[in-house]
Amino acid sequence: MLTAYYVLLDDGGSSGVRFGCNDSLVGLARAAPGTEPLLTAAMNALLQGAGDADIPLDPIEVSDVYNALDGSELTFLSGSFDGTTVTVYLAGTLSLGGACDVPRVEAQLTHTAVAAVGAIRADVYVNGQPLSEVLRQD
């Protein structure tokens, strides 16, 4: 199984970890493909969206979650794990729907990557730039 993280808007932490604009971060589980590395599968699942999640974590319905990455055109290039930090490289265009999408994008990408490999922290790069710099530019 793999878990990709999405947002319940204005949930105030009732259904998951409270963050950002009074949202909750929640995981949706899916069956992991047999041949694809777990990090690759998890990041691709997140970038594809919640619509084809196999197992919503009760009582969350897939239709209730928001994916701050939906307007973006991102592709997973590669990733690595050194035992502590997972590093993820993405390419493409990041499009945000407003100021509240900044913490949403950061939380979704980092939590999905960390959960995939059991890391302590995540470093995410978009087109070679750290995610924090890319989010400041938008």
Protein backbone atom coordinates (compact mmCIF):
# COMPACT_ATOMS: atom_id res chain seq x y z
CA MET A 1 0.00 0.00 0.00
CA LEU A 2 1.04 3.58 -0.57
CA THR A 3 -0.41 6.80 0.79
CA ALA A 4 -0.77 10.10 -1.05
CA TYR A 5 -1.72 13.17 0.99
CA TYR A 6 -4.51 15.59 0.19
CA VAL A 7 -6.32 18.48 1.87
CA LEU A 8 -9.68 18.79 3.58
CA LEU A 9 -10.43 22.49 3.26
CA ASP A 10 -11.30 24.43 6.43
CA ASP A 11 -11.53 21.19 8.42
CA GLY A 12 -9.57 22.66 11.32
CA GLY A 13 -7.70 19.44 12.02
CA SER A 14 -10.84 17.42 12.74
CA SER A 15 -9.91 14.70 10.26
CA GLY A 16 -6.14 14.97 10.09
CA VAL A 17 -3.16 17.17 10.85
CA ARG A 18 -4.21 20.84 11.11
CA PHE A 19 -2.07 23.21 9.03
CA GLY A 20 -2.10 26.25 6.76
CA CYS A 21 -5.44 27.97 6.32
CA ASN A 22 -7.29 25.92 8.96
CA ASP A 23 -7.10 22.84 6.72
CA SER A 24 -6.46 19.18 7.51
CA LEU A 25 -3.89 17.01 5.78
CA VAL A 26 -5.22 13.50 5.16
CA GLY A 27 -3.85 10.40 3.50
CA LEU A 28 -5.60 8.30 0.89
CA ALA A 29 -4.31 4.77 0.46
CA ARG A 30 -3.86 2.90 -2.80
CA ALA A 31 -2.53 -0.46 -3.83
CA ALA A 32 1.14 -0.15 -4.74
CA PRO A 33 2.04 -1.33 -8.23
CA GLY A 34 4.25 -4.39 -8.15
CA THR A 35 7.08 -3.22 -10.42
CA GLU A 36 7.32 0.50 -9.66
CA PRO A 37 9.43 1.75 -6.71
CA LEU A 38 7.19 2.95 -3.87
CA LEU A 39 8.45 6.57 -4.01
CA THR A 40 7.79 6.75 -7.74
CA ALA A 41 4.33 5.24 -7.34
CA ALA A 42 3.39 7.53 -4.45
CA MET A 43 4.52 10.72 -6.17
CA ASN A 44 2.82 9.75 -9.44
CA ALA A 45 -0.37 8.95 -7.51
CA LEU A 46 -0.31 12.39 -5.90
CA LEU A 47 0.37 14.17 -9.18
CA GLN A 48 -2.45 12.24 -10.90
CA GLY A 49 -4.99 13.23 -8.22
CA ALA A 50 -7.25 11.60 -5.67
CA GLY A 51 -9.88 10.39 -8.11
CA ASP A 52 -8.50 6.90 -8.45
CA ALA A 53 -7.60 6.29 -4.81
CA ASP A 54 -8.57 2.78 -3.85
CA ILE A 55 -9.18 3.13 -0.14
CA PRO A 56 -10.31 6.38 1.43
CA LEU A 57 -9.33 6.54 5.09
CA ASP A 58 -12.64 6.51 6.97
CA PRO A 59 -14.68 8.64 7.26
CA ILE A 60 -13.12 10.65 4.42
CA GLU A 61 -14.62 10.37 0.97
CA VAL A 62 -12.36 10.86 -2.04
CA SER A 63 -14.76 13.51 -3.37
CA ASP A 64 -14.22 15.60 -0.20
CA VAL A 65 -10.49 16.13 -0.66
CA TYR A 66 -8.73 18.97 -2.43
CA ASN A 67 -5.52 18.55 -4.39
CA ALA A 68 -3.58 21.82 -4.51
CA LEU A 69 -1.55 20.31 -7.35
CA ASP A 70 -4.52 19.83 -9.69
CA GLY A 71 -3.79 22.97 -11.72
CA SER A 72 -0.12 22.11 -12.06
CA GLU A 73 1.64 20.24 -14.85
CA LEU A 74 4.29 18.38 -12.86
CA THR A 75 6.15 15.17 -13.68
CA PHE A 76 8.12 13.02 -11.27
CA LEU A 77 11.68 12.70 -12.60
CA SER A 78 13.52 10.83 -9.86
CA GLY A 79 14.06 10.47 -6.16
CA SER A 80 16.47 9.09 -3.63
CA PHE A 81 16.56 8.20 0.06
CA ASP A 82 19.73 8.32 2.18
CA GLY A 83 18.19 6.77 5.29
CA THR A 84 17.05 10.11 6.73
CA THR A 85 16.10 12.48 3.91
CA VAL A 86 14.07 11.70 0.82
CA THR A 87 14.92 13.88 -2.18
CA VAL A 88 12.39 14.32 -4.96
CA TYR A 89 12.96 15.90 -8.37
CA LEU A 90 9.97 17.19 -10.34
CA ALA A 91 9.75 19.02 -13.65
CA GLY A 92 7.05 21.19 -15.13
CA THR A 93 4.85 24.08 -14.13
CA LEU A 94 3.47 24.71 -10.66
CA SER A 95 0.19 26.66 -10.64
CA LEU A 96 -1.31 27.82 -7.37
CA GLY A 97 -4.94 28.72 -6.71
CA GLY A 98 -4.09 31.38 -4.11
CA ALA A 99 -1.97 32.06 -1.03
CA CYS A 100 -3.44 29.12 0.89
CA ASP A 101 -2.16 26.72 -1.77
CA VAL A 102 1.46 27.46 -0.77
CA PRO A 103 1.34 25.44 2.49
CA ARG A 104 -0.98 22.90 0.86
CA VAL A 105 1.44 22.10 -1.99
CA GLU A 106 4.38 21.92 0.40
CA ALA A 107 2.53 19.62 2.83
CA GLN A 108 1.15 17.33 0.13
CA LEU A 109 4.49 16.83 -1.62
CA THR A 110 6.64 16.45 1.48
CA HIS A 111 4.28 14.20 3.45
CA THR A 112 3.67 11.92 0.48
CA ALA A 113 7.42 11.55 -0.13
CA VAL A 114 8.24 11.00 3.57
CA ALA A 115 5.50 8.39 3.96
CA ALA A 116 6.60 6.49 0.85
CA VAL A 117 10.06 5.66 2.19
CA GLY A 118 9.82 6.24 5.95
CA ALA A 119 12.04 9.33 5.87
CA ILE A 120 12.39 11.97 8.56
CA ARG A 121 12.36 14.88 6.12
CA ALA A 122 11.94 15.65 2.43
CA ASP A 123 13.75 17.92 0.00
CA VAL A 124 11.67 18.62 -3.09
CA TYR A 125 13.01 20.30 -6.21
CA VAL A 126 11.02 21.65 -9.16
CA ASN A 127 13.02 22.25 -12.32
CA GLY A 128 16.19 22.09 -10.21
CA GLN A 129 15.05 24.74 -7.71
CA PRO A 130 14.11 24.03 -4.09
CA LEU A 131 10.34 23.90 -3.61
CA SER A 132 10.48 26.74 -1.06
CA GLU A 133 12.02 29.06 -3.69
CA VAL A 134 9.52 28.03 -6.35
CA LEU A 135 6.61 28.68 -3.98
CA ARG A 136 7.96 32.16 -3.17
CA GLN A 137 8.04 33.04 -6.87
CA ASP A 138 4.38 32.25 -7.55
